[in-house]
């Protein structure tokens, strides 16, 4: 996501504080942003709904077999 979108969504006003100098070394404003060279997962949250993004994260984790495929697996009854 472009830092302009992050700044637009800024609920805590941190970008505003960074622009006035109140916060030093703020990524994308007074400190460089270094995008990952080979991200394993990219979520375009400015283009997708929260539910779609969550589904994408869950699918990624399942493909990597980091969690069980279904919530019922491994649960005691």
N, C-alpha and C. Protein backbone atom coordinates (compact mmCIF):
# COMPACT_ATOMS: atom_id res chain seq x y z
N UNK A 1 0.86 -1.17 0.00
CA UNK A 1 0.00 0.00 0.00
C UNK A 1 0.90 1.23 0.00
N UNK A 2 0.58 2.16 -0.78
CA UNK A 2 1.32 3.41 -0.87
C UNK A 2 1.16 4.18 0.44
N UNK A 3 2.23 4.87 0.86
CA UNK A 3 2.14 5.57 2.15
C UNK A 3 1.08 6.67 2.12
N UNK A 4 0.68 7.14 0.92
CA UNK A 4 -0.41 8.12 0.83
C UNK A 4 -1.71 7.53 1.35
N UNK A 5 -1.94 6.27 1.06
CA UNK A 5 -3.13 5.59 1.58
C UNK A 5 -3.02 5.41 3.08
N UNK A 6 -1.85 5.05 3.55
CA UNK A 6 -1.63 4.92 5.00
C UNK A 6 -1.89 6.25 5.70
N UNK A 7 -1.41 7.31 5.09
CA UNK A 7 -1.62 8.63 5.68
C UNK A 7 -3.10 9.01 5.67
N UNK A 8 -3.81 8.65 4.62
CA UNK A 8 -5.25 8.93 4.54
C UNK A 8 -6.01 8.21 5.64
N UNK A 9 -5.58 6.99 5.97
CA UNK A 9 -6.26 6.17 6.98
C UNK A 9 -5.80 6.45 8.40
N UNK A 10 -4.82 7.26 8.60
CA UNK A 10 -4.11 7.47 9.86
C UNK A 10 -5.04 7.83 11.04
N UNK A 11 -5.56 6.83 11.79
CA UNK A 11 -6.52 7.12 12.86
C UNK A 11 -5.89 7.81 14.07
N UNK A 12 -4.60 7.67 14.26
CA UNK A 12 -3.93 8.25 15.44
C UNK A 12 -3.26 9.58 15.15
N UNK A 13 -3.28 10.02 13.92
CA UNK A 13 -2.67 11.30 13.57
C UNK A 13 -1.15 11.27 13.57
N UNK A 14 -0.56 10.09 13.43
CA UNK A 14 0.90 9.97 13.48
C UNK A 14 1.57 10.62 12.27
N UNK A 15 0.97 10.51 11.10
CA UNK A 15 1.57 11.13 9.91
C UNK A 15 1.57 12.65 10.07
N UNK A 16 0.50 13.20 10.60
CA UNK A 16 0.43 14.64 10.83
C UNK A 16 1.55 15.08 11.77
N UNK A 17 1.74 14.31 12.86
CA UNK A 17 2.80 14.62 13.82
C UNK A 17 4.17 14.49 13.17
N UNK A 18 4.33 13.51 12.29
CA UNK A 18 5.61 13.33 11.60
C UNK A 18 5.87 14.50 10.66
N UNK A 19 4.85 14.97 9.99
CA UNK A 19 5.02 16.08 9.05
C UNK A 19 5.34 17.40 9.76
N UNK A 20 4.87 17.56 10.99
CA UNK A 20 5.19 18.78 11.75
C UNK A 20 6.50 18.65 12.51
N UNK A 21 7.11 17.46 12.46
CA UNK A 21 8.39 17.26 13.14
C UNK A 21 8.27 16.77 14.57
N UNK A 22 7.04 16.58 15.02
CA UNK A 22 6.82 16.12 16.39
C UNK A 22 7.32 14.68 16.57
N UNK A 23 7.24 13.88 15.51
CA UNK A 23 7.77 12.52 15.53
C UNK A 23 8.95 12.48 14.57
N UNK A 24 10.10 12.12 15.07
CA UNK A 24 11.31 12.03 14.25
C UNK A 24 11.43 10.63 13.66
N UNK A 25 12.09 10.53 12.52
CA UNK A 25 12.39 9.24 11.88
C UNK A 25 11.14 8.40 11.65
N UNK A 26 10.16 8.99 11.02
CA UNK A 26 8.91 8.29 10.72
C UNK A 26 9.00 7.70 9.31
N UNK A 27 8.82 6.40 9.21
CA UNK A 27 8.95 5.70 7.94
C UNK A 27 8.06 6.31 6.87
N UNK A 28 8.66 6.62 5.73
CA UNK A 28 7.93 7.18 4.61
C UNK A 28 7.83 8.69 4.63
N UNK A 29 8.17 9.31 5.75
CA UNK A 29 8.13 10.78 5.85
C UNK A 29 9.54 11.30 6.08
N UNK A 30 10.09 11.07 7.25
CA UNK A 30 11.44 11.56 7.56
C UNK A 30 12.47 10.44 7.61
N UNK A 31 12.04 9.23 7.39
CA UNK A 31 12.94 8.06 7.31
C UNK A 31 12.54 7.26 6.07
N UNK A 32 13.49 6.62 5.45
CA UNK A 32 13.17 5.89 4.21
C UNK A 32 12.27 4.68 4.45
N UNK A 33 11.46 4.40 3.45
CA UNK A 33 10.69 3.17 3.44
C UNK A 33 11.41 2.21 2.52
N UNK A 34 11.70 1.04 3.00
CA UNK A 34 12.40 0.03 2.21
C UNK A 34 11.46 -1.14 1.95
N UNK A 35 10.83 -1.16 0.78
CA UNK A 35 9.89 -2.25 0.49
C UNK A 35 10.63 -3.58 0.42
N UNK A 36 9.97 -4.66 0.80
CA UNK A 36 10.61 -5.97 0.70
C UNK A 36 10.92 -6.30 -0.76
N UNK A 37 12.04 -6.95 -0.98
CA UNK A 37 12.43 -7.29 -2.34
C UNK A 37 11.61 -8.45 -2.88
N UNK A 38 11.29 -9.41 -2.03
CA UNK A 38 10.51 -10.57 -2.46
C UNK A 38 9.49 -10.93 -1.36
N UNK A 39 8.45 -10.15 -1.27
CA UNK A 39 7.42 -10.39 -0.26
C UNK A 39 6.73 -11.73 -0.53
N UNK A 40 6.47 -12.48 0.52
CA UNK A 40 5.78 -13.76 0.38
C UNK A 40 4.28 -13.56 0.20
N UNK A 41 3.77 -12.47 0.69
CA UNK A 41 2.34 -12.17 0.60
C UNK A 41 2.17 -10.67 0.50
N UNK A 42 1.39 -10.23 -0.45
CA UNK A 42 1.09 -8.81 -0.62
C UNK A 42 -0.42 -8.65 -0.54
N UNK A 43 -0.87 -7.84 0.40
CA UNK A 43 -2.30 -7.57 0.54
C UNK A 43 -2.58 -6.15 0.08
N UNK A 44 -3.43 -6.01 -0.90
CA UNK A 44 -3.79 -4.69 -1.41
C UNK A 44 -5.06 -4.24 -0.70
N UNK A 45 -4.89 -3.84 0.56
CA UNK A 45 -6.04 -3.53 1.40
C UNK A 45 -6.78 -2.27 0.94
N UNK A 46 -6.15 -1.48 0.09
CA UNK A 46 -6.85 -0.32 -0.45
C UNK A 46 -7.74 -0.70 -1.63
N UNK A 47 -7.61 -1.95 -2.09
CA UNK A 47 -8.41 -2.43 -3.22
C UNK A 47 -9.37 -3.55 -2.84
N UNK A 48 -9.20 -4.13 -1.64
CA UNK A 48 -10.00 -5.29 -1.24
C UNK A 48 -10.67 -5.03 0.10
N UNK A 49 -11.70 -5.80 0.37
CA UNK A 49 -12.38 -5.67 1.66
C UNK A 49 -11.55 -6.34 2.75
N UNK A 50 -11.87 -6.04 3.98
CA UNK A 50 -11.19 -6.67 5.11
C UNK A 50 -11.42 -8.18 5.05
N UNK A 51 -12.64 -8.60 4.78
CA UNK A 51 -12.96 -10.04 4.72
C UNK A 51 -12.13 -10.74 3.64
N UNK A 52 -11.99 -10.11 2.48
CA UNK A 52 -11.19 -10.70 1.40
C UNK A 52 -9.72 -10.80 1.82
N UNK A 53 -9.22 -9.77 2.47
CA UNK A 53 -7.83 -9.77 2.92
C UNK A 53 -7.59 -10.85 3.97
N UNK A 54 -8.52 -11.00 4.89
CA UNK A 54 -8.41 -12.04 5.92
C UNK A 54 -8.42 -13.41 5.27
N UNK A 55 -9.32 -13.62 4.32
CA UNK A 55 -9.38 -14.91 3.61
C UNK A 55 -8.06 -15.20 2.90
N UNK A 56 -7.47 -14.17 2.32
CA UNK A 56 -6.20 -14.34 1.61
C UNK A 56 -5.08 -14.73 2.59
N UNK A 57 -5.06 -14.12 3.77
CA UNK A 57 -4.06 -14.46 4.78
C UNK A 57 -4.27 -15.90 5.26
N UNK A 58 -5.50 -16.28 5.53
CA UNK A 58 -5.78 -17.64 6.00
C UNK A 58 -5.38 -18.66 4.93
N UNK A 59 -5.71 -18.39 3.68
CA UNK A 59 -5.35 -19.31 2.60
C UNK A 59 -3.83 -19.44 2.49
N UNK A 60 -3.12 -18.33 2.63
CA UNK A 60 -1.65 -18.35 2.58
C UNK A 60 -1.09 -19.22 3.71
N UNK A 61 -1.62 -19.03 4.90
CA UNK A 61 -1.15 -19.80 6.06
C UNK A 61 -1.46 -21.28 5.89
N UNK A 62 -2.62 -21.59 5.36
CA UNK A 62 -2.98 -22.99 5.12
C UNK A 62 -2.10 -23.62 4.06
N UNK A 63 -1.82 -22.89 2.97
CA UNK A 63 -0.94 -23.41 1.93
C UNK A 63 0.45 -23.72 2.50
N UNK A 64 0.90 -22.89 3.41
CA UNK A 64 2.20 -23.10 4.04
C UNK A 64 2.12 -24.13 5.16
N UNK A 65 0.93 -24.64 5.43
CA UNK A 65 0.67 -25.62 6.47
C UNK A 65 1.14 -25.14 7.85
N UNK A 66 0.88 -23.88 8.12
CA UNK A 66 1.22 -23.28 9.41
C UNK A 66 0.08 -23.41 10.41
N UNK A 67 -1.14 -23.66 9.90
CA UNK A 67 -2.30 -23.93 10.76
C UNK A 67 -3.08 -25.08 10.13
N UNK A 68 -3.98 -25.66 10.92
CA UNK A 68 -4.85 -26.71 10.41
C UNK A 68 -5.78 -26.14 9.35
N UNK A 69 -6.24 -27.00 8.45
CA UNK A 69 -7.13 -26.57 7.37
C UNK A 69 -8.50 -26.18 7.84
N UNK A 70 -8.97 -26.79 8.93
CA UNK A 70 -10.29 -26.42 9.43
C UNK A 70 -10.21 -26.24 10.93
N UNK A 71 -11.04 -25.36 11.47
CA UNK A 71 -10.99 -25.08 12.91
C UNK A 71 -11.31 -26.29 13.77
N UNK A 72 -12.07 -27.26 13.22
CA UNK A 72 -12.48 -28.42 14.00
C UNK A 72 -11.30 -29.38 14.26
N UNK A 73 -10.32 -29.40 13.37
CA UNK A 73 -9.21 -30.32 13.52
C UNK A 73 -8.43 -30.02 14.79
N UNK A 74 -8.16 -31.05 15.52
CA UNK A 74 -7.35 -30.89 16.74
C UNK A 74 -8.11 -30.42 17.95
N UNK A 75 -9.43 -30.20 17.82
CA UNK A 75 -10.21 -29.75 18.96
C UNK A 75 -10.74 -30.94 19.73
N UNK A 76 -10.66 -30.87 21.04
CA UNK A 76 -11.23 -31.92 21.88
C UNK A 76 -12.72 -31.73 21.97
N UNK A 77 -13.45 -32.85 21.92
CA UNK A 77 -14.93 -32.76 22.02
C UNK A 77 -15.41 -33.40 23.28
